Each structure stands twice: as structure tokens, then as C-alpha cells.
Amino acid sequence: VQLQASGGGSVQAGQSLRLSCAVSGIRVGIRTAAWYRQVPGRQREWVASIIPGGTTNYGDSVKGRFSISKHNAKNTVYLQMNSLKPEDAAIYYCNIKNPGSLDSWGQGTQVTVSS
């Protein structure tokens, strides 16, 4: 399984970004997918998840601003981030849950938010 994250960048507070995670080796439609983020020196933080049926869940800090989705035909998972805040700045990682095995991780994409 390989995950390729993209879409990070530098924006000002209040602006939006959309992250993409192209997945190969497994169909995203049959796996729970998630986004995490990490600031250097701090623990990796769960941001959002989407289960095979499409139900989504969000961390409290992003609820109402971020939206996770997936396109099964493109085998891609997205994270739409609106109303970005400086505290959203981090490296964002996509994740695929593999029951009975280790999770699969992408390489990370940097998001910078200036005030």
C-alpha cells in the first residue's frame, strides 16, 4: 500500500486548502481513512476519519471547518480545510487503517498558516 499526499502550502489565516491523498495497493472504499497532523516536537494528532460507509468524524479543534471525503473511483482521500488558523499549521499525514496489521501512512504535506 502506498499513499501520496499533496496540496499543502502557505496561506493566510481565514483561507482554505484542499489536501489530497492518492492511494495505491488497496481500495479506499473498503478501508477507514484518516488524516493526522504533527507539529515538530509534539505528538501526532488525529484530525478526521472516514469509514467505508462514508460516516465521518472530526477532532474538536477542526470540527465545522474541515471536511474529509473520498473518491472511490480515483482511489483518493481529501481533506478540505476552511477558515484556517495559525494553530492548524503542521505536517499533515494521510492514513489507511489495515485491520490486523499496521496502518499505512503517507509521507506528509506541510501546511503553513500566517496570521
C-alpha atoms as a PDB file:
ATOM      1  CA  VAL A   1       0.000   0.000   0.000  1.00  0.00           C
ATOM      2  CA  GLN A   2       1.328   3.429  -0.937  1.00  0.00           C
ATOM      3  CA  LEU A   3      -0.089   6.820  -0.041  1.00  0.00           C
ATOM      4  CA  GLN A   4       0.965  10.060  -1.749  1.00  0.00           C
ATOM      5  CA  ALA A   5      -0.172  13.239  -0.011  1.00  0.00           C
ATOM      6  CA  SER A   6      -0.225  16.596  -1.753  1.00  0.00           C
ATOM      7  CA  GLY A   7      -1.876  20.000  -1.605  1.00  0.00           C
ATOM      8  CA  GLY A   8      -0.076  21.595   1.297  1.00  0.00           C
ATOM      9  CA  GLY A   9       1.191  25.122   1.111  1.00  0.00           C
ATOM     10  CA  SER A  10       1.378  28.516   2.746  1.00  0.00           C
ATOM     11  CA  VAL A  11      -1.803  30.518   3.250  1.00  0.00           C
ATOM     12  CA  GLN A  12      -3.058  33.354   5.386  1.00  0.00           C
ATOM     13  CA  ALA A  13      -5.463  32.848   8.255  1.00  0.00           C
ATOM     14  CA  GLY A  14      -9.024  32.504   7.035  1.00  0.00           C
ATOM     15  CA  GLN A  15      -8.088  30.965   3.725  1.00  0.00           C
ATOM     16  CA  SER A  16      -8.616  27.398   2.535  1.00  0.00           C
ATOM     17  CA  LEU A  17      -6.586  24.462   1.291  1.00  0.00           C
ATOM     18  CA  ARG A  18      -7.521  21.053  -0.008  1.00  0.00           C
ATOM     19  CA  LEU A  19      -5.206  18.148   0.680  1.00  0.00           C
ATOM     20  CA  SER A  20      -5.251  15.027  -1.453  1.00  0.00           C
ATOM     21  CA  CYS A  21      -4.011  11.531  -0.716  1.00  0.00           C
ATOM     22  CA  ALA A  22      -3.652   9.245  -3.711  1.00  0.00           C
ATOM     23  CA  VAL A  23      -3.743   5.617  -2.608  1.00  0.00           C
ATOM     24  CA  SER A  24      -2.420   2.588  -4.456  1.00  0.00           C
ATOM     25  CA  GLY A  25      -2.416  -1.074  -3.488  1.00  0.00           C
ATOM     26  CA  ILE A  26      -5.747  -1.024  -1.662  1.00  0.00           C
ATOM     27  CA  ARG A  27      -9.190   0.294  -2.461  1.00  0.00           C
ATOM     28  CA  VAL A  28     -10.072   3.236  -0.238  1.00  0.00           C
ATOM     29  CA  GLY A  29     -13.699   2.221  -0.458  1.00  0.00           C
ATOM     30  CA  ILE A  30     -13.134  -0.773   1.830  1.00  0.00           C
ATOM     31  CA  ARG A  31     -10.882   0.855   4.423  1.00  0.00           C
ATOM     32  CA  THR A  32     -11.172   3.533   7.060  1.00  0.00           C
ATOM     33  CA  ALA A  33      -9.061   6.503   6.023  1.00  0.00           C
ATOM     34  CA  ALA A  34      -7.867   9.320   8.207  1.00  0.00           C
ATOM     35  CA  TRP A  35      -5.804  12.476   8.359  1.00  0.00           C
ATOM     36  CA  TYR A  36      -3.406  13.283  11.167  1.00  0.00           C
ATOM     37  CA  ARG A  37      -1.155  16.242  11.750  1.00  0.00           C
ATOM     38  CA  GLN A  38       2.028  16.850  13.645  1.00  0.00           C
ATOM     39  CA  VAL A  39       3.949  19.867  14.800  1.00  0.00           C
ATOM     40  CA  PRO A  40       7.662  19.210  15.372  1.00  0.00           C
ATOM     41  CA  GLY A  41       8.281  18.289  18.978  1.00  0.00           C
ATOM     42  CA  ARG A  42       4.663  17.378  19.621  1.00  0.00           C
ATOM     43  CA  GLN A  43       2.629  14.196  19.342  1.00  0.00           C
ATOM     44  CA  ARG A  44       0.832  13.355  16.148  1.00  0.00           C
ATOM     45  CA  GLU A  45      -2.792  14.489  16.394  1.00  0.00           C
ATOM     46  CA  TRP A  46      -5.765  12.808  14.806  1.00  0.00           C
ATOM     47  CA  VAL A  47      -7.735  15.245  12.614  1.00  0.00           C
ATOM     48  CA  ALA A  48     -10.510  13.359  10.821  1.00  0.00           C
ATOM     49  CA  SER A  49     -11.649   9.911   9.705  1.00  0.00           C
ATOM     50  CA  ILE A  50     -13.993   8.448   7.132  1.00  0.00           C
ATOM     51  CA  ILE A  51     -15.221   4.865   7.307  1.00  0.00           C
ATOM     52  CA  PRO A  52     -16.108   2.679   4.293  1.00  0.00           C
ATOM     53  CA  GLY A  53     -19.785   3.588   4.574  1.00  0.00           C
ATOM     54  CA  GLY A  54     -18.925   7.288   4.403  1.00  0.00           C
ATOM     55  CA  THR A  55     -19.535   8.333   8.000  1.00  0.00           C
ATOM     56  CA  THR A  56     -17.065  10.981   9.082  1.00  0.00           C
ATOM     57  CA  ASN A  57     -15.632  12.056  12.422  1.00  0.00           C
ATOM     58  CA  TYR A  58     -13.549  15.075  13.353  1.00  0.00           C
ATOM     59  CA  GLY A  59     -11.330  16.281  16.114  1.00  0.00           C
ATOM     60  CA  ASP A  60     -12.838  19.040  18.201  1.00  0.00           C
ATOM     61  CA  SER A  61     -10.305  21.595  17.013  1.00  0.00           C
ATOM     62  CA  VAL A  62     -11.320  21.232  13.347  1.00  0.00           C
ATOM     63  CA  LYS A  63     -14.998  20.368  13.596  1.00  0.00           C
ATOM     64  CA  GLY A  64     -17.080  22.667  11.417  1.00  0.00           C
ATOM     65  CA  ARG A  65     -14.055  23.880   9.436  1.00  0.00           C
ATOM     66  CA  PHE A  66     -12.536  20.753   7.910  1.00  0.00           C
ATOM     67  CA  SER A  67     -14.199  18.115   5.779  1.00  0.00           C
ATOM     68  CA  ILE A  68     -12.855  14.669   4.897  1.00  0.00           C
ATOM     69  CA  SER A  69     -14.093  12.882   1.799  1.00  0.00           C
ATOM     70  CA  LYS A  70     -13.033  10.222  -0.651  1.00  0.00           C
ATOM     71  CA  HIS A  71     -13.425   9.463  -4.317  1.00  0.00           C
ATOM     72  CA  ASN A  72     -13.550   5.709  -4.707  1.00  0.00           C
ATOM     73  CA  ALA A  73     -13.050   5.704  -8.474  1.00  0.00           C
ATOM     74  CA  LYS A  74      -9.941   7.892  -8.135  1.00  0.00           C
ATOM     75  CA  ASN A  75      -8.863   5.976  -5.029  1.00  0.00           C
ATOM     76  CA  THR A  76      -8.146   9.287  -3.352  1.00  0.00           C
ATOM     77  CA  VAL A  77      -8.919  10.762   0.045  1.00  0.00           C
ATOM     78  CA  TYR A  78      -9.319  14.508   0.532  1.00  0.00           C
ATOM     79  CA  LEU A  79      -9.221  16.962   3.389  1.00  0.00           C
ATOM     80  CA  GLN A  80     -10.888  20.284   2.703  1.00  0.00           C
ATOM     81  CA  MET A  81      -9.642  22.824   5.210  1.00  0.00           C
ATOM     82  CA  ASN A  82     -11.545  26.098   5.520  1.00  0.00           C
ATOM     83  CA  SER A  83     -11.119  29.068   7.822  1.00  0.00           C
ATOM     84  CA  LEU A  84      -7.555  28.053   8.535  1.00  0.00           C
ATOM     85  CA  LYS A  85      -5.951  29.289  11.724  1.00  0.00           C
ATOM     86  CA  PRO A  86      -2.268  29.650  12.621  1.00  0.00           C
ATOM     87  CA  GLU A  87      -2.679  26.747  15.040  1.00  0.00           C
ATOM     88  CA  ASP A  88      -3.604  24.494  12.090  1.00  0.00           C
ATOM     89  CA  ALA A  89      -0.048  24.770  10.797  1.00  0.00           C
ATOM     90  CA  ALA A  90       1.565  21.325  10.811  1.00  0.00           C
ATOM     91  CA  ILE A  91       2.661  18.470   8.642  1.00  0.00           C
ATOM     92  CA  TYR A  92      -0.443  16.587   7.561  1.00  0.00           C
ATOM     93  CA  TYR A  93      -0.352  12.837   7.058  1.00  0.00           C
ATOM     94  CA  CYS A  94      -2.904  10.591   5.417  1.00  0.00           C
ATOM     95  CA  ASN A  95      -3.543   7.193   6.914  1.00  0.00           C
ATOM     96  CA  ILE A  96      -5.262   3.957   5.928  1.00  0.00           C
ATOM     97  CA  LYS A  97      -6.334   1.506   8.605  1.00  0.00           C
ATOM     98  CA  ASN A  98      -5.396  -2.097   7.892  1.00  0.00           C
ATOM     99  CA  PRO A  99      -7.269  -4.417  10.270  1.00  0.00           C
ATOM    100  CA  GLY A 100      -4.914  -6.937  11.834  1.00  0.00           C
ATOM    101  CA  SER A 101      -1.868  -5.140  10.515  1.00  0.00           C
ATOM    102  CA  LEU A 102      -0.001  -1.881  10.728  1.00  0.00           C
ATOM    103  CA  ASP A 103      -1.585   1.297   9.424  1.00  0.00           C
ATOM    104  CA  SER A 104      -0.348   2.680   6.129  1.00  0.00           C
ATOM    105  CA  TRP A 105       0.977   6.266   6.121  1.00  0.00           C
ATOM    106  CA  GLY A 106       1.715   8.864   3.504  1.00  0.00           C
ATOM    107  CA  GLN A 107       4.851  10.980   3.516  1.00  0.00           C
ATOM    108  CA  GLY A 108       3.243  14.144   4.850  1.00  0.00           C
ATOM    109  CA  THR A 109       2.493  17.524   3.341  1.00  0.00           C
ATOM    110  CA  GLN A 110       3.344  20.820   5.022  1.00  0.00           C
ATOM    111  CA  VAL A 111       0.679  23.377   5.832  1.00  0.00           C
ATOM    112  CA  THR A 112       1.736  26.852   6.944  1.00  0.00           C
ATOM    113  CA  VAL A 113      -0.783  29.448   8.110  1.00  0.00           C
ATOM    114  CA  SER A 114       0.260  33.020   8.748  1.00  0.00           C
ATOM    115  CA  SER A 115      -1.746  35.443  10.859  1.00  0.00           C
END
